[in-house]
Amino acid sequence: MGVIAKPALIQFWKKYPDAEKPLLIWYKLVRQNQFLGFADLKKTFSAIDAADNFIIFDIGGNKYRIIARVVYKLNAVYIRNVFTHQEYDTWKADDDPWSKKGQKKLKATTPNKSKKGAKN
């Protein structure tokens, strides 16, 4: 699969050098495989969960998390965030703009500029 935003991994391991090896292992495994669904991912990455439309990968013996969006039809993994375990504990999928609920919240707060029949 293609991995979008490898620089996010690099930036993270520059901040947390001990994360480099497990992140590179994750990256290589994703690049070398094609996953057709969550069950396929689970065969390769046993420590994963789904939250909203994200896949959460436990990396490095549960020290780190990769939050990603997997688009199986496009054969692509979009990295949203890379967190330490402690940082992940403060993250809420529902509040993330990439989540289904986050997108609904964003639409609800965005003014609709294209109302039909509106006079200028």
PDB file of N, CA and C in Angstrom:
ATOM      1  N   MET A   1       0.841  -1.181   0.000  1.00  0.00           N
ATOM      2  CA  MET A   1       0.000   0.000   0.000  1.00  0.00           C
ATOM      3  C   MET A   1       0.880   1.236   0.000  1.00  0.00           C
ATOM      4  N   GLY A   2       0.315   2.266  -0.524  1.00  0.00           N
ATOM      5  CA  GLY A   2       1.003   3.542  -0.451  1.00  0.00           C
ATOM      6  C   GLY A   2       0.800   4.161   0.920  1.00  0.00           C
ATOM      7  N   VAL A   3       1.822   4.845   1.403  1.00  0.00           N
ATOM      8  CA  VAL A   3       1.733   5.532   2.689  1.00  0.00           C
ATOM      9  C   VAL A   3       1.883   7.025   2.411  1.00  0.00           C
ATOM     10  N   ILE A   4       0.850   7.764   2.739  1.00  0.00           N
ATOM     11  CA  ILE A   4       0.866   9.208   2.536  1.00  0.00           C
ATOM     12  C   ILE A   4       1.312   9.859   3.846  1.00  0.00           C
ATOM     13  N   ALA A   5       2.317  10.689   3.725  1.00  0.00           N
ATOM     14  CA  ALA A   5       2.842  11.488   4.835  1.00  0.00           C
ATOM     15  C   ALA A   5       3.921  10.763   5.642  1.00  0.00           C
ATOM     16  N   LYS A   6       4.843  10.093   4.951  1.00  0.00           N
ATOM     17  CA  LYS A   6       5.989   9.523   5.662  1.00  0.00           C
ATOM     18  C   LYS A   6       6.744  10.596   6.453  1.00  0.00           C
ATOM     19  N   PRO A   7       6.776  11.861   5.982  1.00  0.00           N
ATOM     20  CA  PRO A   7       7.446  12.897   6.792  1.00  0.00           C
ATOM     21  C   PRO A   7       6.898  13.014   8.217  1.00  0.00           C
ATOM     22  N   ALA A   8       5.647  12.654   8.427  1.00  0.00           N
ATOM     23  CA  ALA A   8       5.095  12.667   9.793  1.00  0.00           C
ATOM     24  C   ALA A   8       5.832  11.657  10.674  1.00  0.00           C
ATOM     25  N   LEU A   9       6.178  10.517  10.099  1.00  0.00           N
ATOM     26  CA  LEU A   9       6.937   9.505  10.849  1.00  0.00           C
ATOM     27  C   LEU A   9       8.342  10.029  11.162  1.00  0.00           C
ATOM     28  N   ILE A  10       8.972  10.609  10.157  1.00  0.00           N
ATOM     29  CA  ILE A  10      10.332  11.118  10.330  1.00  0.00           C
ATOM     30  C   ILE A  10      10.367  12.219  11.389  1.00  0.00           C
ATOM     31  N   GLN A  11       9.422  13.123  11.301  1.00  0.00           N
ATOM     32  CA  GLN A  11       9.344  14.213  12.281  1.00  0.00           C
ATOM     33  C   GLN A  11       9.178  13.658  13.692  1.00  0.00           C
ATOM     34  N   PHE A  12       8.352  12.616  13.820  1.00  0.00           N
ATOM     35  CA  PHE A  12       8.115  12.023  15.129  1.00  0.00           C
ATOM     36  C   PHE A  12       9.381  11.363  15.673  1.00  0.00           C
ATOM     37  N   TRP A  13      10.069  10.580  14.844  1.00  0.00           N
ATOM     38  CA  TRP A  13      11.241   9.880  15.370  1.00  0.00           C
ATOM     39  C   TRP A  13      12.427  10.820  15.584  1.00  0.00           C
ATOM     40  N   LYS A  14      12.409  11.973  14.963  1.00  0.00           N
ATOM     41  CA  LYS A  14      13.432  12.962  15.305  1.00  0.00           C
ATOM     42  C   LYS A  14      13.220  13.485  16.723  1.00  0.00           C
ATOM     43  N   LYS A  15      11.956  13.583  17.106  1.00  0.00           N
ATOM     44  CA  LYS A  15      11.618  14.030  18.460  1.00  0.00           C
ATOM     45  C   LYS A  15      11.792  12.892  19.470  1.00  0.00           C
ATOM     46  N   TYR A  16      11.455  11.664  19.046  1.00  0.00           N
ATOM     47  CA  TYR A  16      11.548  10.469  19.900  1.00  0.00           C
ATOM     48  C   TYR A  16      12.404   9.421  19.171  1.00  0.00           C
ATOM     49  N   PRO A  17      13.737   9.519  19.268  1.00  0.00           N
ATOM     50  CA  PRO A  17      14.627   8.652  18.481  1.00  0.00           C
ATOM     51  C   PRO A  17      14.391   7.153  18.649  1.00  0.00           C
ATOM     52  N   ASP A  18      13.952   6.713  19.814  1.00  0.00           N
ATOM     53  CA  ASP A  18      13.722   5.271  19.998  1.00  0.00           C
ATOM     54  C   ASP A  18      12.513   4.778  19.206  1.00  0.00           C
ATOM     55  N   ALA A  19      11.743   5.693  18.633  1.00  0.00           N
ATOM     56  CA  ALA A  19      10.578   5.305  17.825  1.00  0.00           C
ATOM     57  C   ALA A  19      10.950   4.972  16.381  1.00  0.00           C
ATOM     58  N   GLU A  20      12.150   5.339  15.961  1.00  0.00           N
ATOM     59  CA  GLU A  20      12.515   5.166  14.550  1.00  0.00           C
ATOM     60  C   GLU A  20      12.399   3.719  14.080  1.00  0.00           C
ATOM     61  N   LYS A  21      13.003   2.801  14.806  1.00  0.00           N
ATOM     62  CA  LYS A  21      13.003   1.392  14.361  1.00  0.00           C
ATOM     63  C   LYS A  21      11.591   0.816  14.251  1.00  0.00           C
ATOM     64  N   PRO A  22      10.730   0.936  15.290  1.00  0.00           N
ATOM     65  CA  PRO A  22       9.390   0.373  15.137  1.00  0.00           C
ATOM     66  C   PRO A  22       8.550   1.080  14.070  1.00  0.00           C
ATOM     67  N   LEU A  23       8.759   2.377  13.885  1.00  0.00           N
ATOM     68  CA  LEU A  23       8.007   3.085  12.842  1.00  0.00           C
ATOM     69  C   LEU A  23       8.448   2.644  11.449  1.00  0.00           C
ATOM     70  N   LEU A  24       9.750   2.426  11.284  1.00  0.00           N
ATOM     71  CA  LEU A  24      10.232   1.933   9.984  1.00  0.00           C
ATOM     72  C   LEU A  24       9.736   0.521   9.701  1.00  0.00           C
ATOM     73  N   ILE A  25       9.674  -0.314  10.720  1.00  0.00           N
ATOM     74  CA  ILE A  25       9.120  -1.667  10.542  1.00  0.00           C
ATOM     75  C   ILE A  25       7.664  -1.575  10.095  1.00  0.00           C
ATOM     76  N   TRP A  26       6.884  -0.732  10.770  1.00  0.00           N
ATOM     77  CA  TRP A  26       5.472  -0.528  10.386  1.00  0.00           C
ATOM     78  C   TRP A  26       5.378  -0.050   8.943  1.00  0.00           C
ATOM     79  N   TYR A  27       6.189   0.938   8.610  1.00  0.00           N
ATOM     80  CA  TYR A  27       6.169   1.518   7.265  1.00  0.00           C
ATOM     81  C   TYR A  27       6.459   0.456   6.202  1.00  0.00           C
ATOM     82  N   LYS A  28       7.493  -0.344   6.425  1.00  0.00           N
ATOM     83  CA  LYS A  28       7.865  -1.377   5.452  1.00  0.00           C
ATOM     84  C   LYS A  28       6.773  -2.428   5.315  1.00  0.00           C
ATOM     85  N   LEU A  29       6.169  -2.820   6.430  1.00  0.00           N
ATOM     86  CA  LEU A  29       5.084  -3.815   6.362  1.00  0.00           C
ATOM     87  C   LEU A  29       3.885  -3.281   5.570  1.00  0.00           C
ATOM     88  N   VAL A  30       3.545  -2.036   5.785  1.00  0.00           N
ATOM     89  CA  VAL A  30       2.420  -1.448   5.041  1.00  0.00           C
ATOM     90  C   VAL A  30       2.766  -1.374   3.562  1.00  0.00           C
ATOM     91  N   ARG A  31       3.963  -0.899   3.239  1.00  0.00           N
ATOM     92  CA  ARG A  31       4.364  -0.739   1.836  1.00  0.00           C
ATOM     93  C   ARG A  31       4.422  -2.083   1.093  1.00  0.00           C
ATOM     94  N   GLN A  32       4.763  -3.153   1.802  1.00  0.00           N
ATOM     95  CA  GLN A  32       4.949  -4.458   1.166  1.00  0.00           C
ATOM     96  C   GLN A  32       3.649  -5.236   0.993  1.00  0.00           C
ATOM     97  N   ASN A  33       2.562  -4.733   1.533  1.00  0.00           N
ATOM     98  CA  ASN A  33       1.310  -5.489   1.513  1.00  0.00           C
ATOM     99  C   ASN A  33       0.186  -4.705   0.859  1.00  0.00           C
ATOM    100  N   GLN A  34      -0.811  -5.451   0.437  1.00  0.00           N
ATOM    101  CA  GLN A  34      -2.047  -4.854  -0.030  1.00  0.00           C
ATOM    102  C   GLN A  34      -3.153  -5.421   0.857  1.00  0.00           C
ATOM    103  N   PHE A  35      -3.874  -4.551   1.520  1.00  0.00           N
ATOM    104  CA  PHE A  35      -4.913  -4.972   2.453  1.00  0.00           C
ATOM    105  C   PHE A  35      -6.272  -4.691   1.834  1.00  0.00           C
ATOM    106  N   LEU A  36      -7.144  -5.683   1.904  1.00  0.00           N
ATOM    107  CA  LEU A  36      -8.470  -5.542   1.310  1.00  0.00           C
ATOM    108  C   LEU A  36      -9.517  -5.083   2.316  1.00  0.00           C
ATOM    109  N   GLY A  37      -9.169  -5.151   3.590  1.00  0.00           N
ATOM    110  CA  GLY A  37     -10.101  -4.746   4.634  1.00  0.00           C
ATOM    111  C   GLY A  37      -9.442  -4.849   5.993  1.00  0.00           C
ATOM    112  N   PHE A  38     -10.226  -4.521   7.028  1.00  0.00           N
ATOM    113  CA  PHE A  38      -9.714  -4.516   8.390  1.00  0.00           C
ATOM    114  C   PHE A  38      -9.186  -5.896   8.789  1.00  0.00           C
ATOM    115  N   ALA A  39      -9.864  -6.950   8.361  1.00  0.00           N
ATOM    116  CA  ALA A  39      -9.431  -8.314   8.710  1.00  0.00           C
ATOM    117  C   ALA A  39      -8.029  -8.602   8.168  1.00  0.00           C
ATOM    118  N   ASP A  40      -7.737  -8.127   6.964  1.00  0.00           N
ATOM    119  CA  ASP A  40      -6.397  -8.295   6.402  1.00  0.00           C
ATOM    120  C   ASP A  40      -5.356  -7.535   7.223  1.00  0.00           C
ATOM    121  N   LEU A  41      -5.688  -6.322   7.617  1.00  0.00           N
ATOM    122  CA  LEU A  41      -4.772  -5.544   8.460  1.00  0.00           C
ATOM    123  C   LEU A  41      -4.494  -6.275   9.764  1.00  0.00           C
ATOM    124  N   LYS A  42      -5.551  -6.829  10.335  1.00  0.00           N
ATOM    125  CA  LYS A  42      -5.451  -7.507  11.635  1.00  0.00           C
ATOM    126  C   LYS A  42      -4.530  -8.730  11.558  1.00  0.00           C
ATOM    127  N   LYS A  43      -4.465  -9.364  10.391  1.00  0.00           N
ATOM    128  CA  LYS A  43      -3.568 -10.514  10.224  1.00  0.00           C
ATOM    129  C   LYS A  43      -2.100 -10.097  10.335  1.00  0.00           C
ATOM    130  N   THR A  44      -1.794  -8.915   9.851  1.00  0.00           N
ATOM    131  CA  THR A  44      -0.413  -8.421   9.874  1.00  0.00           C
ATOM    132  C   THR A  44      -0.109  -7.636  11.136  1.00  0.00           C
ATOM    133  N   PHE A  45      -1.079  -6.821  11.565  1.00  0.00           N
ATOM    134  CA  PHE A  45      -0.914  -5.966  12.744  1.00  0.00           C
ATOM    135  C   PHE A  45      -1.956  -6.371  13.774  1.00  0.00           C
ATOM    136  N   SER A  46      -1.587  -7.249  14.658  1.00  0.00           N
ATOM    137  CA  SER A  46      -2.568  -7.750  15.627  1.00  0.00           C
ATOM    138  C   SER A  46      -3.003  -6.673  16.618  1.00  0.00           C
ATOM    139  N   ALA A  47      -2.136  -5.679  16.853  1.00  0.00           N
ATOM    140  CA  ALA A  47      -2.451  -4.630  17.833  1.00  0.00           C
ATOM    141  C   ALA A  47      -3.003  -3.394  17.129  1.00  0.00           C
ATOM    142  N   ILE A  48      -4.205  -3.541  16.567  1.00  0.00           N
ATOM    143  CA  ILE A  48      -4.876  -2.407  15.932  1.00  0.00           C
ATOM    144  C   ILE A  48      -6.308  -2.325  16.424  1.00  0.00           C
ATOM    145  N   ASP A  49      -6.850  -1.136  16.320  1.00  0.00           N
ATOM    146  CA  ASP A  49      -8.249  -0.896  16.663  1.00  0.00           C
ATOM    147  C   ASP A  49      -8.828   0.050  15.625  1.00  0.00           C
ATOM    148  N   ALA A  50     -10.148   0.091  15.574  1.00  0.00           N
ATOM    149  CA  ALA A  50     -10.841   1.041  14.711  1.00  0.00           C
ATOM    150  C   ALA A  50     -11.608   2.012  15.600  1.00  0.00           C
ATOM    151  N   ALA A  51     -11.554   3.293  15.236  1.00  0.00           N
ATOM    152  CA  ALA A  51     -12.313   4.325  15.932  1.00  0.00           C
ATOM    153  C   ALA A  51     -12.817   5.285  14.871  1.00  0.00           C
ATOM    154  N   ASP A  52     -14.145   5.376  14.760  1.00  0.00           N
ATOM    155  CA  ASP A  52     -14.764   6.190  13.723  1.00  0.00           C
ATOM    156  C   ASP A  52     -14.242   5.692  12.386  1.00  0.00           C
ATOM    157  N   ASN A  53     -13.648   6.548  11.572  1.00  0.00           N
ATOM    158  CA  ASN A  53     -13.109   6.059  10.301  1.00  0.00           C
ATOM    159  C   ASN A  53     -11.575   6.012  10.317  1.00  0.00           C
ATOM    160  N   PHE A  54     -11.009   5.812  11.498  1.00  0.00           N
ATOM    161  CA  PHE A  54      -9.567   5.714  11.677  1.00  0.00           C
ATOM    162  C   PHE A  54      -9.170   4.300  12.070  1.00  0.00           C
ATOM    163  N   ILE A  55      -7.938   3.969  11.732  1.00  0.00           N
ATOM    164  CA  ILE A  55      -7.311   2.758  12.244  1.00  0.00           C
ATOM    165  C   ILE A  55      -6.214   3.229  13.188  1.00  0.00           C
ATOM    166  N   ILE A  56      -6.172   2.659  14.379  1.00  0.00           N
ATOM    167  CA  ILE A  56      -5.167   3.003  15.372  1.00  0.00           C
ATOM    168  C   ILE A  56      -4.204   1.829  15.474  1.00  0.00           C
ATOM    169  N   PHE A  57      -2.950   2.090  15.127  1.00  0.00           N
ATOM    170  CA  PHE A  57      -1.905   1.079  15.181  1.00  0.00           C
ATOM    171  C   PHE A  57      -1.098   1.287  16.465  1.00  0.00           C
ATOM    172  N   ASP A  58      -0.984   0.237  17.273  1.00  0.00           N
ATOM    173  CA  ASP A  58      -0.100   0.265  18.444  1.00  0.00           C
ATOM    174  C   ASP A  58       1.292  -0.108  17.955  1.00  0.00           C
ATOM    175  N   ILE A  59       2.240   0.762  18.220  1.00  0.00           N
ATOM    176  CA  ILE A  59       3.595   0.600  17.687  1.00  0.00           C
ATOM    177  C   ILE A  59       4.599   0.555  18.830  1.00  0.00           C
ATOM    178  N   GLY A  60       5.629  -0.229  18.651  1.00  0.00           N
ATOM    179  CA  GLY A  60       6.740  -0.240  19.605  1.00  0.00           C
ATOM    180  C   GLY A  60       6.353  -0.742  20.973  1.00  0.00           C
ATOM    181  N   GLY A  61       5.640  -1.848  21.020  1.00  0.00           N
ATOM    182  CA  GLY A  61       5.252  -2.414  22.309  1.00  0.00           C
ATOM    183  C   GLY A  61       4.306  -1.517  23.085  1.00  0.00           C
ATOM    184  N   ASN A  62       3.383  -0.890  22.349  1.00  0.00           N
ATOM    185  CA  ASN A  62       2.339  -0.065  22.961  1.00  0.00           C
ATOM    186  C   ASN A  62       2.859   1.302  23.435  1.00  0.00           C
ATOM    187  N   LYS A  63       4.064   1.696  22.999  1.00  0.00           N
ATOM    188  CA  LYS A  63       4.616   2.999  23.387  1.00  0.00           C
ATOM    189  C   LYS A  63       4.066   4.124  22.518  1.00  0.00           C
ATOM    190  N   TYR A  64       3.744   3.799  21.263  1.00  0.00           N
ATOM    191  CA  TYR A  64       3.353   4.808  20.281  1.00  0.00           C
ATOM    192  C   TYR A  64       2.077   4.391  19.550  1.00  0.00           C
ATOM    193  N   ARG A  65       1.448   5.382  18.955  1.00  0.00           N
ATOM    194  CA  ARG A  65       0.237   5.129  18.162  1.00  0.00           C
ATOM    195  C   ARG A  65       0.342   5.859  16.827  1.00  0.00           C
ATOM    196  N   ILE A  66      -0.053   5.183  15.789  1.00  0.00           N
ATOM    197  CA  ILE A  66      -0.255   5.829  14.500  1.00  0.00           C
ATOM    198  C   ILE A  66      -1.759   5.854  14.269  1.00  0.00           C
ATOM    199  N   ILE A  67      -2.276   7.050  14.044  1.00  0.00           N
ATOM    200  CA  ILE A  67      -3.688   7.224  13.700  1.00  0.00           C
ATOM    201  C   ILE A  67      -3.709   7.412  12.193  1.00  0.00           C
ATOM    202  N   ALA A  68      -4.426   6.548  11.503  1.00  0.00           N
ATOM    203  CA  ALA A  68      -4.410   6.596  10.043  1.00  0.00           C
ATOM    204  C   ALA A  68      -5.799   6.372   9.477  1.00  0.00           C
ATOM    205  N   ARG A  69      -5.948   6.825   8.290  1.00  0.00           N
ATOM    206  CA  ARG A  69      -7.154   6.568   7.518  1.00  0.00           C
ATOM    207  C   ARG A  69      -6.726   5.615   6.412  1.00  0.00           C
ATOM    208  N   VAL A  70      -7.356   4.481   6.307  1.00  0.00           N
ATOM    209  CA  VAL A  70      -7.009   3.491   5.290  1.00  0.00           C
ATOM    210  C   VAL A  70      -8.115   3.490   4.244  1.00  0.00           C
ATOM    211  N   VAL A  71      -7.717   3.739   3.003  1.00  0.00           N
ATOM    212  CA  VAL A  71      -8.666   3.712   1.887  1.00  0.00           C
ATOM    213  C   VAL A  71      -8.302   2.501   1.043  1.00  0.00           C
ATOM    214  N   TYR A  72      -9.022   1.425   1.298  1.00  0.00           N
ATOM    215  CA  TYR A  72      -8.688   0.144   0.685  1.00  0.00           C
ATOM    216  C   TYR A  72      -8.809   0.195  -0.829  1.00  0.00           C
ATOM    217  N   LYS A  73      -9.825   0.865  -1.347  1.00  0.00           N
ATOM    218  CA  LYS A  73     -10.026   0.944  -2.802  1.00  0.00           C
ATOM    219  C   LYS A  73      -8.872   1.649  -3.507  1.00  0.00           C
ATOM    220  N   LEU A  74      -8.254   2.588  -2.818  1.00  0.00           N
ATOM    221  CA  LEU A  74      -7.125   3.324  -3.394  1.00  0.00           C
ATOM    222  C   LEU A  74      -5.779   2.713  -3.011  1.00  0.00           C
ATOM    223  N   ASN A  75      -5.824   1.686  -2.178  1.00  0.00           N
ATOM    224  CA  ASN A  75      -4.606   1.023  -1.717  1.00  0.00           C
ATOM    225  C   ASN A  75      -3.670   2.034  -1.044  1.00  0.00           C
ATOM    226  N   ALA A  76      -4.259   2.834  -0.134  1.00  0.00           N
ATOM    227  CA  ALA A  76      -3.489   3.917   0.484  1.00  0.00           C
ATOM    228  C   ALA A  76      -3.773   4.039   1.975  1.00  0.00           C
ATOM    229  N   VAL A  77      -2.725   4.414   2.707  1.00  0.00           N
ATOM    230  CA  VAL A  77      -2.813   4.707   4.139  1.00  0.00           C
ATOM    231  C   VAL A  77      -2.410   6.167   4.318  1.00  0.00           C
ATOM    232  N   TYR A  78      -3.312   6.939   4.888  1.00  0.00           N
ATOM    233  CA  TYR A  78      -3.052   8.352   5.149  1.00  0.00           C
ATOM    234  C   TYR A  78      -2.769   8.520   6.642  1.00  0.00           C
ATOM    235  N   ILE A  79      -1.560   8.916   6.969  1.00  0.00           N
ATOM    236  CA  ILE A  79      -1.212   9.112   8.378  1.00  0.00           C
ATOM    237  C   ILE A  79      -1.818  10.428   8.838  1.00  0.00           C
ATOM    238  N   ARG A  80      -2.625  10.353   9.873  1.00  0.00           N
ATOM    239  CA  ARG A  80      -3.237  11.555  10.449  1.00  0.00           C
ATOM    240  C   ARG A  80      -2.378  12.099  11.590  1.00  0.00           C
ATOM    241  N   ASN A  81      -1.971  11.206  12.483  1.00  0.00           N
ATOM    242  CA  ASN A  81      -1.175  11.599  13.645  1.00  0.00           C
ATOM    243  C   ASN A  81      -0.257  10.462  14.058  1.00  0.00           C
ATOM    244  N   VAL A  82       0.842  10.833  14.688  1.00  0.00           N
ATOM    245  CA  VAL A  82       1.708   9.875  15.359  1.00  0.00           C
ATOM    246  C   VAL A  82       1.848  10.400  16.780  1.00  0.00           C
ATOM    247  N   PHE A  83       1.520   9.554  17.741  1.00  0.00           N
ATOM    248  CA  PHE A  83       1.470   9.975  19.139  1.00  0.00           C
ATOM    249  C   PHE A  83       2.283   9.052  20.028  1.00  0.00           C
ATOM    250  N   THR A  84       2.708   9.589  21.162  1.00  0.00           N
ATOM    251  CA  THR A  84       3.141   8.726  22.254  1.00  0.00           C
ATOM    252  C   THR A  84       1.865   8.165  22.870  1.00  0.00           C
ATOM    253  N   HIS A  85       2.021   7.159  23.709  1.00  0.00           N
ATOM    254  CA  HIS A  85       0.850   6.593  24.383  1.00  0.00           C
ATOM    255  C   HIS A  85       0.128   7.681  25.189  1.00  0.00           C
ATOM    256  N   GLN A  86       0.881   8.510  25.876  1.00  0.00           N
ATOM    257  CA  GLN A  86       0.299   9.578  26.699  1.00  0.00           C
ATOM    258  C   GLN A  86      -0.440  10.605  25.837  1.00  0.00           C
ATOM    259  N   GLU A  87       0.134  10.992  24.699  1.00  0.00           N
ATOM    260  CA  GLU A  87      -0.533  11.940  23.800  1.00  0.00           C
ATOM    261  C   GLU A  87      -1.821  11.339  23.243  1.00  0.00           C
ATOM    262  N   TYR A  88      -1.760  10.067  22.904  1.00  0.00           N
ATOM    263  CA  TYR A  88      -2.943   9.387  22.361  1.00  0.00           C
ATOM    264  C   TYR A  88      -4.098   9.408  23.357  1.00  0.00           C
ATOM    265  N   ASP A  89      -3.799   9.285  24.632  1.00  0.00           N
ATOM    266  CA  ASP A  89      -4.847   9.272  25.647  1.00  0.00           C
ATOM    267  C   ASP A  89      -5.664  10.556  25.679  1.00  0.00           C
ATOM    268  N   THR A  90      -5.136  11.648  25.139  1.00  0.00           N
ATOM    269  CA  THR A  90      -5.880  12.916  25.122  1.00  0.00           C
ATOM    270  C   THR A  90      -6.620  13.137  23.809  1.00  0.00           C
ATOM    271  N   TRP A  91      -6.348  12.309  22.801  1.00  0.00           N
ATOM    272  CA  TRP A  91      -6.964  12.447  21.475  1.00  0.00           C
ATOM    273  C   TRP A  91      -8.361  11.847  21.472  1.00  0.00           C
ATOM    274  N   LYS A  92      -9.301  12.523  20.840  1.00  0.00           N
ATOM    275  CA  LYS A  92     -10.677  12.031  20.721  1.00  0.00           C
ATOM    276  C   LYS A  92     -11.035  11.944  19.239  1.00  0.00           C
ATOM    277  N   ALA A  93     -11.332  10.752  18.774  1.00  0.00           N
ATOM    278  CA  ALA A  93     -11.666  10.561  17.359  1.00  0.00           C
ATOM    279  C   ALA A  93     -12.829  11.443  16.935  1.00  0.00           C
ATOM    280  N   ASP A  94     -13.849  11.546  17.778  1.00  0.00           N
ATOM    281  CA  ASP A  94     -15.044  12.322  17.414  1.00  0.00           C
ATOM    282  C   ASP A  94     -14.748  13.805  17.205  1.00  0.00           C
ATOM    283  N   ASP A  95     -13.707  14.318  17.829  1.00  0.00           N
ATOM    284  CA  ASP A  95     -13.368  15.732  17.703  1.00  0.00           C
ATOM    285  C   ASP A  95     -12.438  16.027  16.532  1.00  0.00           C
ATOM    286  N   ASP A  96     -11.887  14.990  15.933  1.00  0.00           N
ATOM    287  CA  ASP A  96     -10.945  15.181  14.837  1.00  0.00           C
ATOM    288  C   ASP A  96     -11.701  15.574  13.564  1.00  0.00           C
ATOM    289  N   PRO A  97     -11.253  16.618  12.854  1.00  0.00           N
ATOM    290  CA  PRO A  97     -11.938  17.034  11.627  1.00  0.00           C
ATOM    291  C   PRO A  97     -11.986  15.962  10.547  1.00  0.00           C
ATOM    292  N   TRP A  98     -11.082  14.963  10.603  1.00  0.00           N
ATOM    293  CA  TRP A  98     -11.114  13.881   9.627  1.00  0.00           C
ATOM    294  C   TRP A  98     -12.167  12.826   9.965  1.00  0.00           C
ATOM    295  N   SER A  99     -12.723  12.869  11.150  1.00  0.00           N
ATOM    296  CA  SER A  99     -13.712  11.855  11.542  1.00  0.00           C
ATOM    297  C   SER A  99     -15.069  12.194  10.948  1.00  0.00           C
ATOM    298  N   LYS A 100     -15.948  11.212  10.922  1.00  0.00           N
ATOM    299  CA  LYS A 100     -17.308  11.447  10.425  1.00  0.00           C
ATOM    300  C   LYS A 100     -18.024  12.481  11.281  1.00  0.00           C
ATOM    301  N   LYS A 101     -17.932  12.332  12.591  1.00  0.00           N
ATOM    302  CA  LYS A 101     -18.582  13.290  13.495  1.00  0.00           C
ATOM    303  C   LYS A 101     -17.913  14.653  13.422  1.00  0.00           C
ATOM    304  N   GLY A 102     -16.595  14.669  13.278  1.00  0.00           N
ATOM    305  CA  GLY A 102     -15.878  15.930  13.162  1.00  0.00           C
ATOM    306  C   GLY A 102     -16.260  16.686  11.904  1.00  0.00           C
ATOM    307  N   GLN A 103     -16.484  15.964  10.809  1.00  0.00           N
ATOM    308  CA  GLN A 103     -16.897  16.597   9.556  1.00  0.00           C
ATOM    309  C   GLN A 103     -18.291  17.186   9.690  1.00  0.00           C
ATOM    310  N   LYS A 104     -19.177  16.471  10.393  1.00  0.00           N
ATOM    311  CA  LYS A 104     -20.531  16.994  10.619  1.00  0.00           C
ATOM    312  C   LYS A 104     -20.480  18.261  11.465  1.00  0.00           C
ATOM    313  N   LYS A 105     -19.635  18.255  12.506  1.00  0.00           N
ATOM    314  CA  LYS A 105     -19.487  19.442  13.355  1.00  0.00           C
ATOM    315  C   LYS A 105     -18.962  20.620  12.546  1.00  0.00           C
ATOM    316  N   LEU A 106     -17.999  20.343  11.668  1.00  0.00           N
ATOM    317  CA  LEU A 106     -17.415  21.390  10.852  1.00  0.00           C
ATOM    318  C   LEU A 106     -18.456  21.986   9.893  1.00  0.00           C
ATOM    319  N   LYS A 107     -19.261  21.117   9.276  1.00  0.00           N
ATOM    320  CA  LYS A 107     -20.310  21.600   8.369  1.00  0.00           C
ATOM    321  C   LYS A 107     -21.344  22.432   9.117  1.00  0.00           C
ATOM    322  N   ALA A 108     -21.649  22.038  10.343  1.00  0.00           N
ATOM    323  CA  ALA A 108     -22.650  22.748  11.133  1.00  0.00           C
ATOM    324  C   ALA A 108     -22.187  24.153  11.514  1.00  0.00           C
ATOM    325  N   THR A 109     -20.884  24.354  11.604  1.00  0.00           N
ATOM    326  CA  THR A 109     -20.369  25.666  12.009  1.00  0.00           C
ATOM    327  C   THR A 109     -19.904  26.518  10.833  1.00  0.00           C
ATOM    328  N   THR A 110     -19.932  25.956   9.616  1.00  0.00           N
ATOM    329  CA  THR A 110     -19.505  26.691   8.439  1.00  0.00           C
ATOM    330  C   THR A 110     -20.721  27.353   7.799  1.00  0.00           C
ATOM    331  N   PRO A 111     -20.687  28.675   7.607  1.00  0.00           N
ATOM    332  CA  PRO A 111     -21.826  29.349   6.981  1.00  0.00           C
ATOM    333  C   PRO A 111     -22.025  28.880   5.549  1.00  0.00           C
ATOM    334  N   ASN A 112     -23.267  28.723   5.157  1.00  0.00           N
ATOM    335  CA  ASN A 112     -23.601  28.307   3.805  1.00  0.00           C
ATOM    336  C   ASN A 112     -23.686  29.560   2.943  1.00  0.00           C
ATOM    337  N   LYS A 113     -22.716  29.738   2.061  1.00  0.00           N
ATOM    338  CA  LYS A 113     -22.645  30.946   1.218  1.00  0.00           C
ATOM    339  C   LYS A 113     -23.422  30.814  -0.086  1.00  0.00           C
ATOM    340  N   SER A 114     -23.891  29.640  -0.399  1.00  0.00           N
ATOM    341  CA  SER A 114     -24.535  29.430  -1.692  1.00  0.00           C
ATOM    342  C   SER A 114     -26.027  29.171  -1.538  1.00  0.00           C
ATOM    343  N   LYS A 115     -26.723  30.043  -0.835  1.00  0.00           N
ATOM    344  CA  LYS A 115     -28.171  29.864  -0.694  1.00  0.00           C
ATOM    345  C   LYS A 115     -28.867  30.358  -1.960  1.00  0.00           C
ATOM    346  N   LYS A 116     -29.753  29.545  -2.488  1.00  0.00           N
ATOM    347  CA  LYS A 116     -30.486  29.909  -3.700  1.00  0.00           C
ATOM    348  C   LYS A 116     -31.468  31.025  -3.365  1.00  0.00           C
ATOM    349  N   GLY A 117     -31.539  31.948  -4.271  1.00  0.00           N
ATOM    350  CA  GLY A 117     -32.512  33.026  -4.114  1.00  0.00           C
ATOM    351  C   GLY A 117     -32.065  34.119  -3.191  1.00  0.00           C
ATOM    352  N   ALA A 118     -30.857  34.027  -2.676  1.00  0.00           N
ATOM    353  CA  ALA A 118     -30.366  35.070  -1.762  1.00  0.00           C
ATOM    354  C   ALA A 118     -30.042  36.315  -2.527  1.00  0.00           C
ATOM    355  N   LYS A 119     -30.441  37.457  -1.983  1.00  0.00           N
ATOM    356  CA  LYS A 119     -30.172  38.742  -2.635  1.00  0.00           C
ATOM    357  C   LYS A 119     -28.910  39.338  -2.045  1.00  0.00           C
ATOM    358  N   ASN A 120     -28.154  39.995  -2.900  1.00  0.00           N
ATOM    359  CA  ASN A 120     -26.905  40.628  -2.460  1.00  0.00           C
ATOM    360  C   ASN A 120     -27.158  42.042  -2.006  1.00  0.00           C
TER     361      ASN A 120
END
